[in-house]
Protein backbone atom coordinates (compact mmCIF):
# COMPACT_ATOMS: atom_id res chain seq x y z
CA MET A 1 -0.01 -0.02 0.01
CA LYS A 2 1.55 3.35 -1.09
CA THR A 3 1.60 6.11 1.47
CA VAL A 4 0.73 9.71 0.38
CA ILE A 5 0.86 12.72 2.67
CA ILE A 6 -1.64 15.45 1.90
CA PHE A 7 -1.11 18.85 3.53
CA GLY A 8 -4.29 20.86 3.31
CA GLY A 9 -6.29 17.69 2.90
CA SER A 10 -9.21 18.86 4.93
CA GLY A 11 -10.27 21.35 2.33
CA PHE A 12 -12.62 20.99 -0.68
CA VAL A 13 -9.97 19.78 -3.17
CA GLY A 14 -8.31 17.58 -0.42
CA HIS A 15 -11.62 15.84 0.44
CA ASN A 16 -12.17 14.92 -3.18
CA ILE A 17 -8.63 13.71 -3.76
CA ILE A 18 -8.79 11.66 -0.50
CA ARG A 19 -12.07 10.05 -1.55
CA LYS A 20 -10.60 8.80 -4.83
CA MET A 21 -7.27 7.73 -3.38
CA ALA A 22 -8.93 5.71 -0.62
CA LYS A 23 -10.89 3.76 -3.31
CA LYS A 24 -7.51 3.05 -5.07
CA GLY A 25 -6.03 1.59 -1.90
CA PHE A 26 -3.60 4.37 -0.83
CA LYS A 27 -2.73 4.92 2.77
CA ILE A 28 -3.25 8.67 3.36
CA ILE A 29 -1.79 10.81 6.08
CA VAL A 30 -3.39 14.20 6.55
CA PRO A 31 -1.31 16.61 8.77
CA TYR A 32 -3.32 19.53 10.11
CA GLN A 33 -2.96 22.57 12.51
CA ARG A 34 -6.46 23.88 12.92
CA PRO A 35 -9.18 21.50 14.20
CA ILE A 36 -10.71 19.48 11.42
CA ASN A 37 -13.47 16.94 11.18
CA GLU A 38 -11.27 13.83 11.58
CA ALA A 39 -14.18 11.39 11.64
CA LYS A 40 -15.48 12.56 8.29
CA LEU A 41 -12.03 12.09 6.68
CA ARG A 42 -11.62 8.59 8.18
CA LEU A 43 -15.01 7.48 6.79
CA TYR A 44 -13.59 7.77 3.21
CA GLY A 45 -11.48 4.68 3.66
CA GLN A 46 -11.15 1.45 5.67
CA VAL A 47 -10.02 1.32 9.34
CA GLY A 48 -6.52 2.78 9.62
CA GLN A 49 -6.26 3.79 5.95
CA ILE A 50 -6.72 7.57 6.41
CA ILE A 51 -4.71 9.02 9.36
CA PRO A 52 -5.17 12.69 10.42
CA ILE A 53 -2.09 13.88 12.38
CA ARG A 54 -1.87 17.17 14.30
CA PHE A 55 1.53 19.00 13.74
CA ASP A 56 3.13 22.27 14.60
CA GLN A 57 4.43 24.18 11.60
CA MET A 58 7.28 25.55 13.85
CA ASP A 59 8.49 22.06 14.56
CA TYR A 60 8.95 19.78 11.57
CA SER A 61 10.82 17.04 13.56
CA SER A 62 7.67 15.08 14.29
CA MET A 63 6.91 14.84 10.57
CA GLU A 64 10.32 13.97 9.26
CA THR A 65 10.13 10.16 9.70
CA ILE A 66 6.58 10.10 8.22
CA ILE A 67 7.61 12.22 5.24
CA LYS A 68 10.67 10.19 4.50
CA SER A 69 8.71 6.92 4.46
CA SER A 70 6.13 8.23 1.95
CA HIS A 71 5.62 7.63 -1.69
CA ALA A 72 4.48 11.14 -2.46
CA VAL A 73 3.88 14.43 -0.64
CA LEU A 74 0.92 16.54 -1.99
CA ASN A 75 0.74 20.17 -0.74
CA LEU A 76 -2.64 21.90 -1.08
CA LYS A 77 -1.98 24.13 1.92
CA THR A 78 -2.02 27.89 1.37
CA ILE A 79 -3.34 31.13 2.88
CA TRP A 80 -5.31 33.96 1.34
CA SER A 81 -4.40 36.79 3.81
CA GLU A 82 -1.36 37.56 5.97
CA ASN A 83 -0.58 39.21 9.21
CA LYS A 84 2.57 39.86 11.34
CA LYS A 85 2.63 36.20 12.52
CA ASN A 86 1.65 34.55 9.36
CA SER A 87 3.16 36.11 6.27
CA TYR A 88 2.96 34.82 2.71
CA ASP A 89 6.69 34.27 2.74
CA LYS A 90 6.54 32.15 5.93
CA ARG A 91 3.34 30.21 5.26
CA ILE A 92 3.80 29.57 1.56
CA TYR A 93 7.44 29.91 0.44
CA LEU A 94 9.25 28.85 3.63
CA PHE A 95 6.79 26.14 4.38
CA ASN A 96 7.25 24.46 1.03
CA LYS A 97 11.06 25.00 1.24
CA GLN A 98 11.24 23.19 4.55
CA LEU A 99 9.17 20.22 3.19
CA LEU A 100 11.31 19.88 0.08
CA ASN A 101 14.48 20.03 2.24
CA ILE A 102 13.26 17.14 4.35
CA ILE A 103 12.30 15.21 1.12
CA ASN A 104 15.71 15.84 -0.34
CA THR A 105 17.46 14.23 2.69
CA SER A 106 15.51 11.02 2.09
CA LYS A 107 16.91 8.05 0.25
CA ASN A 108 13.43 7.32 -1.21
CA ASN A 109 12.39 8.72 -4.51
CA ILE A 110 9.64 10.85 -3.07
CA HIS A 111 7.34 12.69 -5.49
CA TYR A 112 6.62 16.26 -4.48
CA ILE A 113 3.31 17.70 -5.90
CA PHE A 114 2.63 21.37 -5.33
CA PHE A 115 -0.78 23.02 -6.02
CA SER A 116 -0.22 26.42 -7.51
CA GLY A 117 -2.72 28.15 -9.94
CA LEU A 118 -3.14 29.60 -13.46
CA GLY A 119 -1.55 33.00 -13.90
CA VAL A 120 1.22 32.56 -11.34
CA THR A 121 4.05 34.97 -12.21
CA THR A 122 6.82 36.79 -10.29
CA ASN A 123 5.50 40.12 -11.60
CA SER A 124 2.03 39.70 -10.29
CA ILE A 125 0.30 42.61 -8.51
CA SER A 126 -0.58 40.11 -5.77
CA ASP A 127 1.99 39.47 -3.04
CA ARG A 128 0.42 36.06 -2.51
CA VAL A 129 0.99 35.10 -6.12
CA LYS A 130 4.57 36.40 -6.11
CA ASN A 131 5.34 34.02 -3.18
CA ILE A 132 3.68 31.15 -4.98
CA ALA A 133 5.79 31.96 -8.02
CA LYS A 134 8.98 32.12 -5.90
CA THR A 135 7.99 28.75 -4.40
CA GLU A 136 7.68 27.23 -7.90
CA ASP A 137 11.09 28.50 -8.68
CA TYR A 138 12.56 26.89 -5.56
CA ILE A 139 10.95 23.54 -6.33
CA ILE A 140 12.16 23.61 -10.00
CA SER A 141 15.69 24.48 -8.91
CA ASN A 142 15.88 22.05 -5.99
CA SER A 143 14.01 18.95 -6.88
CA ASP A 144 14.50 16.15 -9.39
CA ASN A 145 11.02 14.66 -8.85
CA TYR A 146 8.24 17.18 -8.80
CA SER A 147 4.95 18.09 -10.31
CA ILE A 148 3.47 21.57 -10.17
CA ILE A 149 -0.26 21.67 -10.75
CA ARG A 150 -1.77 24.86 -11.88
CA PRO A 151 -5.61 24.60 -11.97
CA GLY A 152 -8.07 27.38 -13.02
CA ILE A 153 -10.92 28.16 -10.74
CA ILE A 154 -12.18 24.74 -9.54
CA ILE A 155 -15.89 24.10 -9.79
CA GLY A 156 -17.74 21.26 -8.19
CA GLY A 157 -20.03 20.28 -5.37
CA ASN A 158 -19.33 22.45 -2.33
CA ASP A 159 -16.58 24.39 -3.95
CA VAL A 160 -15.61 27.77 -2.54
CA PHE A 161 -16.32 29.87 -5.64
CA LEU A 162 -19.88 28.73 -6.25
CA GLY A 163 -20.46 28.46 -2.46
CA ARG A 164 -19.98 32.27 -2.20
CA MET A 165 -21.58 33.28 -5.48
CA LEU A 166 -24.78 31.24 -5.59
CA PRO A 167 -26.35 32.70 -2.42
CA ILE A 168 -25.61 36.31 -3.63
CA ILE A 169 -27.18 35.59 -7.00
CA LYS A 170 -30.05 33.57 -5.55
CA TYR A 171 -31.09 36.17 -2.85
CA SER A 172 -29.77 39.61 -3.96
CA PRO A 173 -31.49 41.50 -6.80
CA ILE A 174 -28.15 43.35 -7.24
CA VAL A 175 -24.93 41.60 -8.01
CA PRO A 176 -21.69 43.58 -7.90
CA LEU A 177 -19.10 43.25 -10.69
CA PHE A 178 -15.56 44.17 -9.68
CA GLY A 179 -14.33 46.51 -12.50
CA LYS A 180 -16.74 45.63 -15.17
CA GLY A 181 -16.60 41.88 -14.73
CA LEU A 182 -14.86 41.40 -18.15
CA SER A 183 -11.88 39.54 -17.03
CA LYS A 184 -11.68 35.99 -18.57
CA ILE A 185 -11.54 32.76 -16.66
CA GLN A 186 -11.44 29.06 -17.65
CA PRO A 187 -12.75 26.98 -14.77
CA VAL A 188 -12.06 23.35 -14.30
CA TYR A 189 -14.26 20.59 -12.99
CA ILE A 190 -13.20 19.03 -9.60
CA GLU A 191 -13.43 15.42 -10.98
CA ASP A 192 -10.99 16.35 -13.72
CA VAL A 193 -8.57 17.76 -11.18
CA VAL A 194 -8.89 14.66 -9.06
CA ASP A 195 -8.34 12.32 -12.03
CA ALA A 196 -5.27 14.42 -13.12
CA CYS A 197 -3.78 14.10 -9.49
CA MET A 198 -4.28 10.26 -9.58
CA LYS A 199 -2.56 10.01 -13.01
CA ILE A 200 0.39 12.13 -11.85
CA ILE A 201 0.77 10.27 -8.50
CA ASN A 202 0.76 6.93 -10.25
CA THR A 203 3.63 8.13 -12.65
CA LYS A 204 6.34 5.43 -12.19
CA GLN A 205 9.32 7.40 -13.42
CA LYS A 206 10.70 10.71 -12.05
CA ASN A 207 8.67 13.71 -12.96
CA LYS A 208 9.74 17.27 -13.62
CA GLU A 209 6.55 18.76 -15.05
CA ILE A 210 4.19 21.68 -14.78
CA TYR A 211 0.50 20.88 -15.61
CA GLU A 212 -2.13 23.51 -16.43
CA LEU A 213 -5.63 22.21 -15.62
CA PHE A 214 -8.53 24.07 -17.30
CA GLY A 215 -11.89 23.40 -18.77
CA ASN A 216 -12.95 23.87 -22.45
CA GLU A 217 -15.09 26.95 -21.88
CA ILE A 218 -13.93 30.47 -21.36
CA PHE A 219 -16.18 32.93 -19.44
CA THR A 220 -16.01 36.43 -18.21
CA TYR A 221 -17.05 36.80 -14.59
CA LYS A 222 -20.13 38.61 -15.89
CA SER A 223 -21.12 35.87 -18.38
CA LEU A 224 -20.66 33.23 -15.80
CA TYR A 225 -22.87 35.04 -13.27
CA GLU A 226 -25.54 35.47 -15.99
CA TYR A 227 -25.38 31.80 -16.63
CA LEU A 228 -25.83 30.99 -13.00
CA SER A 229 -28.80 33.36 -12.93
CA ASP A 230 -30.30 31.57 -15.84
CA CYS A 231 -29.78 28.23 -14.01
CA LEU A 232 -31.61 29.55 -10.91
CA ASN A 233 -34.28 31.14 -13.13
CA VAL A 234 -33.83 34.61 -11.67
CA LYS A 235 -33.20 38.04 -13.29
CA ARG A 236 -30.53 40.08 -11.67
CA ASN A 237 -29.13 43.61 -12.09
CA TYR A 238 -25.42 43.84 -12.45
CA ILE A 239 -23.65 46.91 -11.00
CA ASN A 240 -19.99 47.77 -11.91
CA LEU A 241 -18.07 48.40 -8.74
CA PRO A 242 -14.82 50.27 -9.48
CA TYR A 243 -11.66 48.85 -7.79
CA PHE A 244 -10.92 52.19 -6.07
CA LEU A 245 -14.23 51.66 -4.15
CA ALA A 246 -13.93 47.96 -3.74
CA ILE A 247 -10.47 47.97 -2.19
CA PRO A 248 -11.21 49.95 0.99
CA SER A 249 -14.45 47.94 1.49
CA VAL A 250 -12.47 44.67 1.31
CA TYR A 251 -9.85 46.15 3.67
CA PHE A 252 -12.49 46.76 6.38
CA MET A 253 -14.02 43.35 5.89
CA GLU A 254 -10.69 41.76 6.44
CA LYS A 255 -10.11 43.84 9.60
CA LEU A 256 -13.53 42.74 10.83
CA SER A 257 -12.72 39.11 9.96
CA ILE A 258 -15.77 39.02 7.55
CA ASN A 259 -14.78 36.05 5.25
CA ILE A 260 -16.24 37.00 1.94
CA ILE A 261 -13.26 38.11 -0.11
CA THR A 262 -9.62 39.11 0.67
CA LYS A 263 -7.55 41.94 -0.83
CA ASP A 264 -5.41 39.43 -2.81
CA GLN A 265 -8.58 37.64 -4.12
CA LEU A 266 -9.87 41.04 -5.29
CA LEU A 267 -6.70 41.79 -7.15
CA LEU A 268 -7.14 38.49 -9.17
CA PHE A 269 -10.42 39.92 -10.65
CA LYS A 270 -8.32 42.47 -12.46
CA LYS A 271 -6.50 39.99 -14.71
CA ASP A 272 -7.58 37.20 -17.03
CA ASN A 273 -7.13 33.76 -15.38
CA LEU A 274 -6.21 31.72 -18.43
CA PRO A 275 -3.62 28.99 -19.32
CA THR A 276 -0.41 29.93 -21.14
CA LYS A 277 -0.67 26.73 -23.19
CA GLN A 278 3.18 26.29 -22.62
CA TYR A 279 2.82 23.27 -20.35
CA LYS A 280 1.17 19.93 -20.24
CA ASP A 281 -2.61 19.79 -19.65
CA LEU A 282 -5.44 17.34 -19.14
CA THR A 283 -5.11 15.94 -22.69
CA ASN A 284 -1.52 14.98 -21.95
CA LEU A 285 -2.92 12.92 -19.08
CA GLY A 286 -5.53 11.23 -21.26
CA ILE A 287 -8.35 13.23 -19.73
CA GLU A 288 -11.11 14.95 -21.71
CA SER A 289 -12.17 18.14 -19.88
CA SER A 290 -15.76 18.20 -18.62
CA SER A 291 -18.22 20.86 -19.59
CA ILE A 292 -18.63 23.33 -16.67
CA LYS A 293 -22.07 24.26 -17.91
CA GLU A 294 -23.16 20.70 -17.70
């Protein structure tokens, strides 16, 4: 039984990956810091197959033996806002650097899989994205068995994006559009992402690849909201909200711990979130992308 460690496994993407891995017979270790629903995770597999483990990010010694005995380490863990104690540099870049340094001291051929995102670049206007890009560069320079997965916005049951948008469209007669809502996105279905992960993890030879995962339909934010309105059979008025007005509103929401949108998430609305087409994608993994509309 192959052992896979999944950091960030208690989230939406993690739950779906664990569900599929458990069916394929993997032993899955899920390190966590904040309280999670351990019982729900364990129920995806047989007794002893899925093991949640609490760990301290300041002390990796408890994880070293577990990491070094694994077949693969999958990191879904990230943060969307920072403070003095938890900066993007510390929680994204340095966290991945520490994990990779432990892997590199192992004699096993451990496959490191890092979840990034479409549009990641070092010249991004987002500090969060800059740190993700810096992390990618470190992995590429310091690992000979890695996969970097760059998904678009992930759509599926209980996803974060639709989970926040559907109630607004369903109950509010007015829907705000950041800027004019014309930035383009190419969402990907969660099952396609899960299938891609399974194919990548089952790769027998060493891997040094970047994968861009995206669907076959391009939307603007406005056209996607309009489609959701049609699905809900409601008519909505769309109001353009200039960024110079949205930024202070989001700033105050963050200060009040109102978890709707963060500053860095707002910045992503300014740019298209599309693949570069320079790297491998679903077709290279033998997967036909699902229709988001369906």
